[in-house]
PDB file of N, CA and C in Angstrom:
ATOM      1  N   MET A   1    -133.348 -45.682 -38.488  1.00  0.00           N
ATOM      2  CA  MET A   1    -133.913 -44.353 -38.573  1.00  0.00           C
ATOM      3  C   MET A   1    -134.294 -44.097 -40.023  1.00  0.00           C
ATOM      4  N   ASP A   2    -135.412 -43.464 -40.234  1.00  0.00           N
ATOM      5  CA  ASP A   2    -135.839 -43.042 -41.562  1.00  0.00           C
ATOM      6  C   ASP A   2    -135.679 -41.531 -41.672  1.00  0.00           C
ATOM      7  N   ALA A   3    -135.183 -41.075 -42.801  1.00  0.00           N
ATOM      8  CA  ALA A   3    -134.990 -39.642 -43.023  1.00  0.00           C
ATOM      9  C   ALA A   3    -135.370 -39.310 -44.452  1.00  0.00           C
ATOM     10  N   SER A   4    -136.168 -38.263 -44.603  1.00  0.00           N
ATOM     11  CA  SER A   4    -136.535 -37.824 -45.945  1.00  0.00           C
ATOM     12  C   SER A   4    -135.432 -36.940 -46.516  1.00  0.00           C
ATOM     13  N   ILE A   5    -135.589 -36.583 -47.759  1.00  0.00           N
ATOM     14  CA  ILE A   5    -134.622 -35.696 -48.397  1.00  0.00           C
ATOM     15  C   ILE A   5    -134.548 -34.362 -47.645  1.00  0.00           C
ATOM     16  N   ILE A   6    -135.676 -33.868 -47.186  1.00  0.00           N
ATOM     17  CA  ILE A   6    -135.714 -32.609 -46.431  1.00  0.00           C
ATOM     18  C   ILE A   6    -134.973 -32.763 -45.103  1.00  0.00           C
ATOM     19  N   ASP A   7    -135.148 -33.936 -44.465  1.00  0.00           N
ATOM     20  CA  ASP A   7    -134.454 -34.181 -43.197  1.00  0.00           C
ATOM     21  C   ASP A   7    -132.943 -34.158 -43.362  1.00  0.00           C
ATOM     22  N   LEU A   8    -132.460 -34.628 -44.502  1.00  0.00           N
ATOM     23  CA  LEU A   8    -131.016 -34.605 -44.742  1.00  0.00           C
ATOM     24  C   LEU A   8    -130.478 -33.186 -44.662  1.00  0.00           C
ATOM     25  N   ARG A   9    -131.286 -32.255 -45.082  1.00  0.00           N
ATOM     26  CA  ARG A   9    -130.845 -30.859 -45.084  1.00  0.00           C
ATOM     27  C   ARG A   9    -131.043 -30.180 -43.731  1.00  0.00           C
ATOM     28  N   TYR A  10    -132.214 -30.382 -43.140  1.00  0.00           N
ATOM     29  CA  TYR A  10    -132.546 -29.618 -41.948  1.00  0.00           C
ATOM     30  C   TYR A  10    -132.283 -30.350 -40.632  1.00  0.00           C
ATOM     31  N   LYS A  11    -132.120 -31.654 -40.655  1.00  0.00           N
ATOM     32  CA  LYS A  11    -131.899 -32.416 -39.425  1.00  0.00           C
ATOM     33  C   LYS A  11    -130.592 -33.210 -39.506  1.00  0.00           C
ATOM     34  N   THR A  12    -129.577 -32.603 -40.090  1.00  0.00           N
ATOM     35  CA  THR A  12    -128.294 -33.264 -40.287  1.00  0.00           C
ATOM     36  C   THR A  12    -127.689 -33.704 -38.960  1.00  0.00           C
ATOM     37  N   THR A  13    -127.809 -32.882 -37.936  1.00  0.00           N
ATOM     38  CA  THR A  13    -127.230 -33.208 -36.637  1.00  0.00           C
ATOM     39  C   THR A  13    -127.833 -34.488 -36.078  1.00  0.00           C
ATOM     40  N   GLN A  14    -129.151 -34.631 -36.189  1.00  0.00           N
ATOM     41  CA  GLN A  14    -129.811 -35.827 -35.670  1.00  0.00           C
ATOM     42  C   GLN A  14    -129.415 -37.071 -36.472  1.00  0.00           C
ATOM     43  N   ILE A  15    -129.224 -36.907 -37.763  1.00  0.00           N
ATOM     44  CA  ILE A  15    -128.803 -38.032 -38.603  1.00  0.00           C
ATOM     45  C   ILE A  15    -127.391 -38.453 -38.234  1.00  0.00           C
ATOM     46  N   LEU A  16    -126.517 -37.484 -38.016  1.00  0.00           N
ATOM     47  CA  LEU A  16    -125.148 -37.801 -37.608  1.00  0.00           C
ATOM     48  C   LEU A  16    -125.114 -38.465 -36.236  1.00  0.00           C
ATOM     49  N   GLU A  17    -125.997 -38.049 -35.338  1.00  0.00           N
ATOM     50  CA  GLU A  17    -126.085 -38.680 -34.021  1.00  0.00           C
ATOM     51  C   GLU A  17    -126.529 -40.138 -34.155  1.00  0.00           C
ATOM     52  N   ALA A  18    -127.481 -40.398 -35.060  1.00  0.00           N
ATOM     53  CA  ALA A  18    -127.928 -41.777 -35.289  1.00  0.00           C
ATOM     54  C   ALA A  18    -126.775 -42.626 -35.828  1.00  0.00           C
ATOM     55  N   LEU A  19    -125.997 -42.073 -36.736  1.00  0.00           N
ATOM     56  CA  LEU A  19    -124.844 -42.801 -37.268  1.00  0.00           C
ATOM     57  C   LEU A  19    -123.800 -43.045 -36.183  1.00  0.00           C
ATOM     58  N   LYS A  20    -123.663 -42.071 -35.289  1.00  0.00           N
ATOM     59  CA  LYS A  20    -122.728 -42.222 -34.174  1.00  0.00           C
ATOM     60  C   LYS A  20    -123.149 -43.374 -33.268  1.00  0.00           C
ATOM     61  N   LYS A  21    -124.469 -43.608 -33.166  1.00  0.00           N
ATOM     62  CA  LYS A  21    -125.002 -44.708 -32.357  1.00  0.00           C
ATOM     63  C   LYS A  21    -125.019 -46.021 -33.137  1.00  0.00           C
ATOM     64  N   ARG A  22    -124.374 -46.019 -34.324  1.00  0.00           N
ATOM     65  CA  ARG A  22    -124.250 -47.207 -35.172  1.00  0.00           C
ATOM     66  C   ARG A  22    -125.584 -47.635 -35.789  1.00  0.00           C
ATOM     67  N   GLU A  23    -126.497 -46.689 -36.028  1.00  0.00           N
ATOM     68  CA  GLU A  23    -127.777 -46.985 -36.664  1.00  0.00           C
ATOM     69  C   GLU A  23    -127.684 -46.747 -38.165  1.00  0.00           C
ATOM     70  N   LYS A  24    -128.409 -47.531 -38.943  1.00  0.00           N
ATOM     71  CA  LYS A  24    -128.526 -47.287 -40.374  1.00  0.00           C
ATOM     72  C   LYS A  24    -129.600 -46.228 -40.582  1.00  0.00           C
ATOM     73  N   VAL A  25    -129.408 -45.388 -41.587  1.00  0.00           N
ATOM     74  CA  VAL A  25    -130.381 -44.343 -41.897  1.00  0.00           C
ATOM     75  C   VAL A  25    -130.947 -44.620 -43.291  1.00  0.00           C
ATOM     76  N   ASN A  26    -132.251 -44.861 -43.350  1.00  0.00           N
ATOM     77  CA  ASN A  26    -132.923 -45.072 -44.626  1.00  0.00           C
ATOM     78  C   ASN A  26    -133.296 -43.720 -45.205  1.00  0.00           C
ATOM     79  N   VAL A  27    -132.897 -43.460 -46.432  1.00  0.00           N
ATOM     80  CA  VAL A  27    -133.213 -42.197 -47.096  1.00  0.00           C
ATOM     81  C   VAL A  27    -134.483 -42.410 -47.917  1.00  0.00           C
ATOM     82  N   LEU A  28    -135.512 -41.617 -47.592  1.00  0.00           N
ATOM     83  CA  LEU A  28    -136.811 -41.764 -48.240  1.00  0.00           C
ATOM     84  C   LEU A  28    -137.057 -40.631 -49.234  1.00  0.00           C
ATOM     85  N   TYR A  29    -137.676 -40.990 -50.353  1.00  0.00           N
ATOM     86  CA  TYR A  29    -138.091 -39.998 -51.350  1.00  0.00           C
ATOM     87  C   TYR A  29    -139.515 -40.358 -51.736  1.00  0.00           C
ATOM     88  N   HIS A  30    -140.440 -39.482 -51.438  1.00  0.00           N
ATOM     89  CA  HIS A  30    -141.867 -39.733 -51.632  1.00  0.00           C
ATOM     90  C   HIS A  30    -142.306 -41.000 -50.913  1.00  0.00           C
ATOM     91  N   GLY A  31    -141.748 -41.228 -49.717  1.00  0.00           N
ATOM     92  CA  GLY A  31    -142.139 -42.350 -48.883  1.00  0.00           C
ATOM     93  C   GLY A  31    -141.512 -43.680 -49.243  1.00  0.00           C
ATOM     94  N   LYS A  32    -140.679 -43.717 -50.272  1.00  0.00           N
ATOM     95  CA  LYS A  32    -140.031 -44.962 -50.684  1.00  0.00           C
ATOM     96  C   LYS A  32    -138.538 -44.872 -50.416  1.00  0.00           C
ATOM     97  N   ILE A  33    -137.954 -45.981 -50.008  1.00  0.00           N
ATOM     98  CA  ILE A  33    -136.519 -45.993 -49.714  1.00  0.00           C
ATOM     99  C   ILE A  33    -135.730 -45.865 -51.011  1.00  0.00           C
ATOM    100  N   ARG A  34    -134.880 -44.856 -51.061  1.00  0.00           N
ATOM    101  CA  ARG A  34    -134.010 -44.637 -52.222  1.00  0.00           C
ATOM    102  C   ARG A  34    -132.566 -45.001 -51.928  1.00  0.00           C
ATOM    103  N   GLY A  35    -132.224 -45.074 -50.662  1.00  0.00           N
ATOM    104  CA  GLY A  35    -130.857 -45.407 -50.300  1.00  0.00           C
ATOM    105  C   GLY A  35    -130.728 -45.611 -48.809  1.00  0.00           C
ATOM    106  N   VAL A  36    -129.564 -46.066 -48.413  1.00  0.00           N
ATOM    107  CA  VAL A  36    -129.285 -46.319 -47.004  1.00  0.00           C
ATOM    108  C   VAL A  36    -127.908 -45.746 -46.687  1.00  0.00           C
ATOM    109  N   ILE A  37    -127.841 -44.991 -45.608  1.00  0.00           N
ATOM    110  CA  ILE A  37    -126.563 -44.489 -45.117  1.00  0.00           C
ATOM    111  C   ILE A  37    -126.150 -45.424 -43.988  1.00  0.00           C
ATOM    112  N   VAL A  38    -124.992 -46.043 -44.159  1.00  0.00           N
ATOM    113  CA  VAL A  38    -124.517 -47.039 -43.203  1.00  0.00           C
ATOM    114  C   VAL A  38    -123.307 -46.484 -42.472  1.00  0.00           C
ATOM    115  N   PRO A  39    -123.256 -46.618 -41.148  1.00  0.00           N
ATOM    116  CA  PRO A  39    -122.073 -46.138 -40.427  1.00  0.00           C
ATOM    117  C   PRO A  39    -120.857 -46.984 -40.777  1.00  0.00           C
ATOM    118  N   ILE A  40    -119.714 -46.345 -40.777  1.00  0.00           N
ATOM    119  CA  ILE A  40    -118.487 -47.074 -41.104  1.00  0.00           C
ATOM    120  C   ILE A  40    -118.109 -47.983 -39.947  1.00  0.00           C
ATOM    121  N   THR A  41    -117.410 -49.033 -40.283  1.00  0.00           N
ATOM    122  CA  THR A  41    -116.911 -49.918 -39.240  1.00  0.00           C
ATOM    123  C   THR A  41    -115.514 -49.447 -38.859  1.00  0.00           C
ATOM    124  N   PRO A  42    -115.232 -49.409 -37.578  1.00  0.00           N
ATOM    125  CA  PRO A  42    -113.891 -48.960 -37.175  1.00  0.00           C
ATOM    126  C   PRO A  42    -112.837 -49.942 -37.662  1.00  0.00           C
ATOM    127  N   THR A  43    -111.775 -49.407 -38.193  1.00  0.00           N
ATOM    128  CA  THR A  43    -110.685 -50.247 -38.681  1.00  0.00           C
ATOM    129  C   THR A  43    -109.567 -50.261 -37.665  1.00  0.00           C
ATOM    130  N   GLU A  44    -108.734 -51.230 -37.786  1.00  0.00           N
ATOM    131  CA  GLU A  44    -107.593 -51.289 -36.885  1.00  0.00           C
ATOM    132  C   GLU A  44    -106.641 -50.146 -37.218  1.00  0.00           C
ATOM    133  N   GLU A  45    -106.197 -49.476 -36.185  1.00  0.00           N
ATOM    134  CA  GLU A  45    -105.265 -48.382 -36.403  1.00  0.00           C
ATOM    135  C   GLU A  45    -103.872 -48.963 -36.634  1.00  0.00           C
ATOM    136  N   CYS A  46    -103.190 -48.417 -37.611  1.00  0.00           N
ATOM    137  CA  CYS A  46    -101.826 -48.865 -37.872  1.00  0.00           C
ATOM    138  C   CYS A  46    -100.903 -47.659 -37.777  1.00  0.00           C
ATOM    139  N   LYS A  47     -99.655 -47.940 -37.603  1.00  0.00           N
ATOM    140  CA  LYS A  47     -98.667 -46.870 -37.524  1.00  0.00           C
ATOM    141  C   LYS A  47     -98.439 -46.308 -38.918  1.00  0.00           C
ATOM    142  N   VAL A  48     -98.120 -45.039 -38.984  1.00  0.00           N
ATOM    143  CA  VAL A  48     -97.888 -44.384 -40.260  1.00  0.00           C
ATOM    144  C   VAL A  48     -96.763 -45.071 -41.023  1.00  0.00           C
ATOM    145  N   GLU A  49     -95.741 -45.480 -40.313  1.00  0.00           N
ATOM    146  CA  GLU A  49     -94.593 -46.107 -40.955  1.00  0.00           C
ATOM    147  C   GLU A  49     -94.958 -47.414 -41.649  1.00  0.00           C
ATOM    148  N   GLU A  50     -96.043 -48.058 -41.211  1.00  0.00           N
ATOM    149  CA  GLU A  50     -96.449 -49.339 -41.783  1.00  0.00           C
ATOM    150  C   GLU A  50     -97.344 -49.177 -43.013  1.00  0.00           C
ATOM    151  N   HIS A  51     -97.808 -47.957 -43.261  1.00  0.00           N
ATOM    152  CA  HIS A  51     -98.691 -47.724 -44.407  1.00  0.00           C
ATOM    153  C   HIS A  51     -97.906 -47.827 -45.711  1.00  0.00           C
ATOM    154  N   ASP A  52     -98.557 -48.359 -46.761  1.00  0.00           N
ATOM    155  CA  ASP A  52     -97.904 -48.553 -48.053  1.00  0.00           C
ATOM    156  C   ASP A  52     -97.387 -47.243 -48.658  1.00  0.00           C
ATOM    157  N   PHE A  53     -98.070 -46.152 -48.404  1.00  0.00           N
ATOM    158  CA  PHE A  53     -97.709 -44.872 -49.000  1.00  0.00           C
ATOM    159  C   PHE A  53     -96.449 -44.280 -48.364  1.00  0.00           C
ATOM    160  N   PHE A  54     -96.168 -44.635 -47.136  1.00  0.00           N
ATOM    161  CA  PHE A  54     -95.030 -44.071 -46.419  1.00  0.00           C
ATOM    162  C   PHE A  54     -93.725 -44.516 -47.061  1.00  0.00           C
ATOM    163  N   GLY A  55     -92.845 -43.593 -47.314  1.00  0.00           N
ATOM    164  CA  GLY A  55     -91.544 -43.908 -47.891  1.00  0.00           C
ATOM    165  C   GLY A  55     -91.574 -44.118 -49.393  1.00  0.00           C
ATOM    166  N   MET A  56     -92.673 -43.730 -50.039  1.00  0.00           N
ATOM    167  CA  MET A  56     -92.808 -43.934 -51.476  1.00  0.00           C
ATOM    168  C   MET A  56     -91.739 -43.169 -52.255  1.00  0.00           C
ATOM    169  N   LEU A  57     -91.380 -42.000 -51.781  1.00  0.00           N
ATOM    170  CA  LEU A  57     -90.388 -41.173 -52.466  1.00  0.00           C
ATOM    171  C   LEU A  57     -89.034 -41.239 -51.750  1.00  0.00           C
ATOM    172  N   LYS A  58     -88.741 -42.357 -51.147  1.00  0.00           N
ATOM    173  CA  LYS A  58     -87.509 -42.505 -50.380  1.00  0.00           C
ATOM    174  C   LYS A  58     -86.275 -42.279 -51.244  1.00  0.00           C
ATOM    175  N   LYS A  59     -86.333 -42.694 -52.514  1.00  0.00           N
ATOM    176  CA  LYS A  59     -85.188 -42.579 -53.411  1.00  0.00           C
ATOM    177  C   LYS A  59     -85.109 -41.214 -54.103  1.00  0.00           C
ATOM    178  N   GLU A  60     -86.060 -40.339 -53.815  1.00  0.00           N
ATOM    179  CA  GLU A  60     -86.122 -39.020 -54.442  1.00  0.00           C
ATOM    180  C   GLU A  60     -84.914 -38.184 -54.029  1.00  0.00           C
ATOM    181  N   LYS A  61     -84.255 -37.563 -55.001  1.00  0.00           N
ATOM    182  CA  LYS A  61     -83.057 -36.756 -54.733  1.00  0.00           C
ATOM    183  C   LYS A  61     -83.397 -35.308 -54.404  1.00  0.00           C
ATOM    184  N   LYS A  62     -84.589 -34.862 -54.802  1.00  0.00           N
ATOM    185  CA  LYS A  62     -84.978 -33.469 -54.582  1.00  0.00           C
ATOM    186  C   LYS A  62     -85.394 -33.255 -53.132  1.00  0.00           C
ATOM    187  N   SER A  63     -85.314 -31.996 -52.697  1.00  0.00           N
ATOM    188  CA  SER A  63     -85.756 -31.659 -51.351  1.00  0.00           C
ATOM    189  C   SER A  63     -87.286 -31.626 -51.324  1.00  0.00           C
ATOM    190  N   VAL A  64     -87.829 -31.641 -50.143  1.00  0.00           N
ATOM    191  CA  VAL A  64     -89.283 -31.595 -49.973  1.00  0.00           C
ATOM    192  C   VAL A  64     -89.834 -30.314 -50.584  1.00  0.00           C
ATOM    193  N   LYS A  65     -89.136 -29.218 -50.393  1.00  0.00           N
ATOM    194  CA  LYS A  65     -89.581 -27.927 -50.925  1.00  0.00           C
ATOM    195  C   LYS A  65     -89.655 -27.967 -52.452  1.00  0.00           C
ATOM    196  N   GLU A  66     -88.657 -28.578 -53.086  1.00  0.00           N
ATOM    197  CA  GLU A  66     -88.661 -28.675 -54.555  1.00  0.00           C
ATOM    198  C   GLU A  66     -89.781 -29.574 -55.054  1.00  0.00           C
ATOM    199  N   VAL A  67     -90.014 -30.681 -54.379  1.00  0.00           N
ATOM    200  CA  VAL A  67     -91.087 -31.594 -54.782  1.00  0.00           C
ATOM    201  C   VAL A  67     -92.442 -30.910 -54.631  1.00  0.00           C
ATOM    202  N   MET A  68     -92.662 -30.207 -53.524  1.00  0.00           N
ATOM    203  CA  MET A  68     -93.934 -29.505 -53.305  1.00  0.00           C
ATOM    204  C   MET A  68     -94.137 -28.410 -54.349  1.00  0.00           C
ATOM    205  N   HIS A  69     -93.076 -27.708 -54.706  1.00  0.00           N
ATOM    206  CA  HIS A  69     -93.179 -26.683 -55.741  1.00  0.00           C
ATOM    207  C   HIS A  69     -93.585 -27.313 -57.069  1.00  0.00           C
ATOM    208  N   GLN A  70     -93.005 -28.449 -57.388  1.00  0.00           N
ATOM    209  CA  GLN A  70     -93.321 -29.145 -58.632  1.00  0.00           C
ATOM    210  C   GLN A  70     -94.787 -29.615 -58.634  1.00  0.00           C
ATOM    211  N   LEU A  71     -95.276 -30.083 -57.497  1.00  0.00           N
ATOM    212  CA  LEU A  71     -96.659 -30.552 -57.404  1.00  0.00           C
ATOM    213  C   LEU A  71     -97.666 -29.406 -57.512  1.00  0.00           C
ATOM    214  N   ARG A  72     -97.319 -28.251 -56.975  1.00  0.00           N
ATOM    215  CA  ARG A  72     -98.252 -27.148 -56.915  1.00  0.00           C
ATOM    216  C   ARG A  72     -98.199 -26.201 -58.103  1.00  0.00           C
ATOM    217  N   LYS A  73     -97.203 -26.327 -58.951  1.00  0.00           N
ATOM    218  CA  LYS A  73     -97.094 -25.395 -60.077  1.00  0.00           C
ATOM    219  C   LYS A  73     -98.178 -25.693 -61.108  1.00  0.00           C
ATOM    220  N   GLY A  74     -98.384 -24.750 -61.991  1.00  0.00           N
ATOM    221  CA  GLY A  74     -99.386 -24.916 -63.035  1.00  0.00           C
ATOM    222  C   GLY A  74     -98.940 -25.920 -64.094  1.00  0.00           C
ATOM    223  N   ARG A  75     -99.819 -26.198 -65.013  1.00  0.00           N
ATOM    224  CA  ARG A  75     -99.506 -27.169 -66.067  1.00  0.00           C
ATOM    225  C   ARG A  75     -98.483 -26.640 -67.062  1.00  0.00           C
ATOM    226  N   PHE A  76     -98.589 -25.353 -67.361  1.00  0.00           N
ATOM    227  CA  PHE A  76     -97.748 -24.800 -68.417  1.00  0.00           C
ATOM    228  C   PHE A  76     -96.750 -23.841 -67.862  1.00  0.00           C
TER     229      PHE A  76
END
């Protein structure tokens, strides 16, 4: 599918439908290809427990509420 810069704004639904059908979308600017939007490839689903990020703070002594407060507070 070819889509101009204007199409990206006004025909977003049709572009998303093309991506859903696994089509590449060529982005045109003044009739020349400036880029390509490629649909993502589905990845294998893994369990949350198997993800590297899970259990990162396992040794943390603070409660979840205290950690969240520390993350959300201001710099000073």
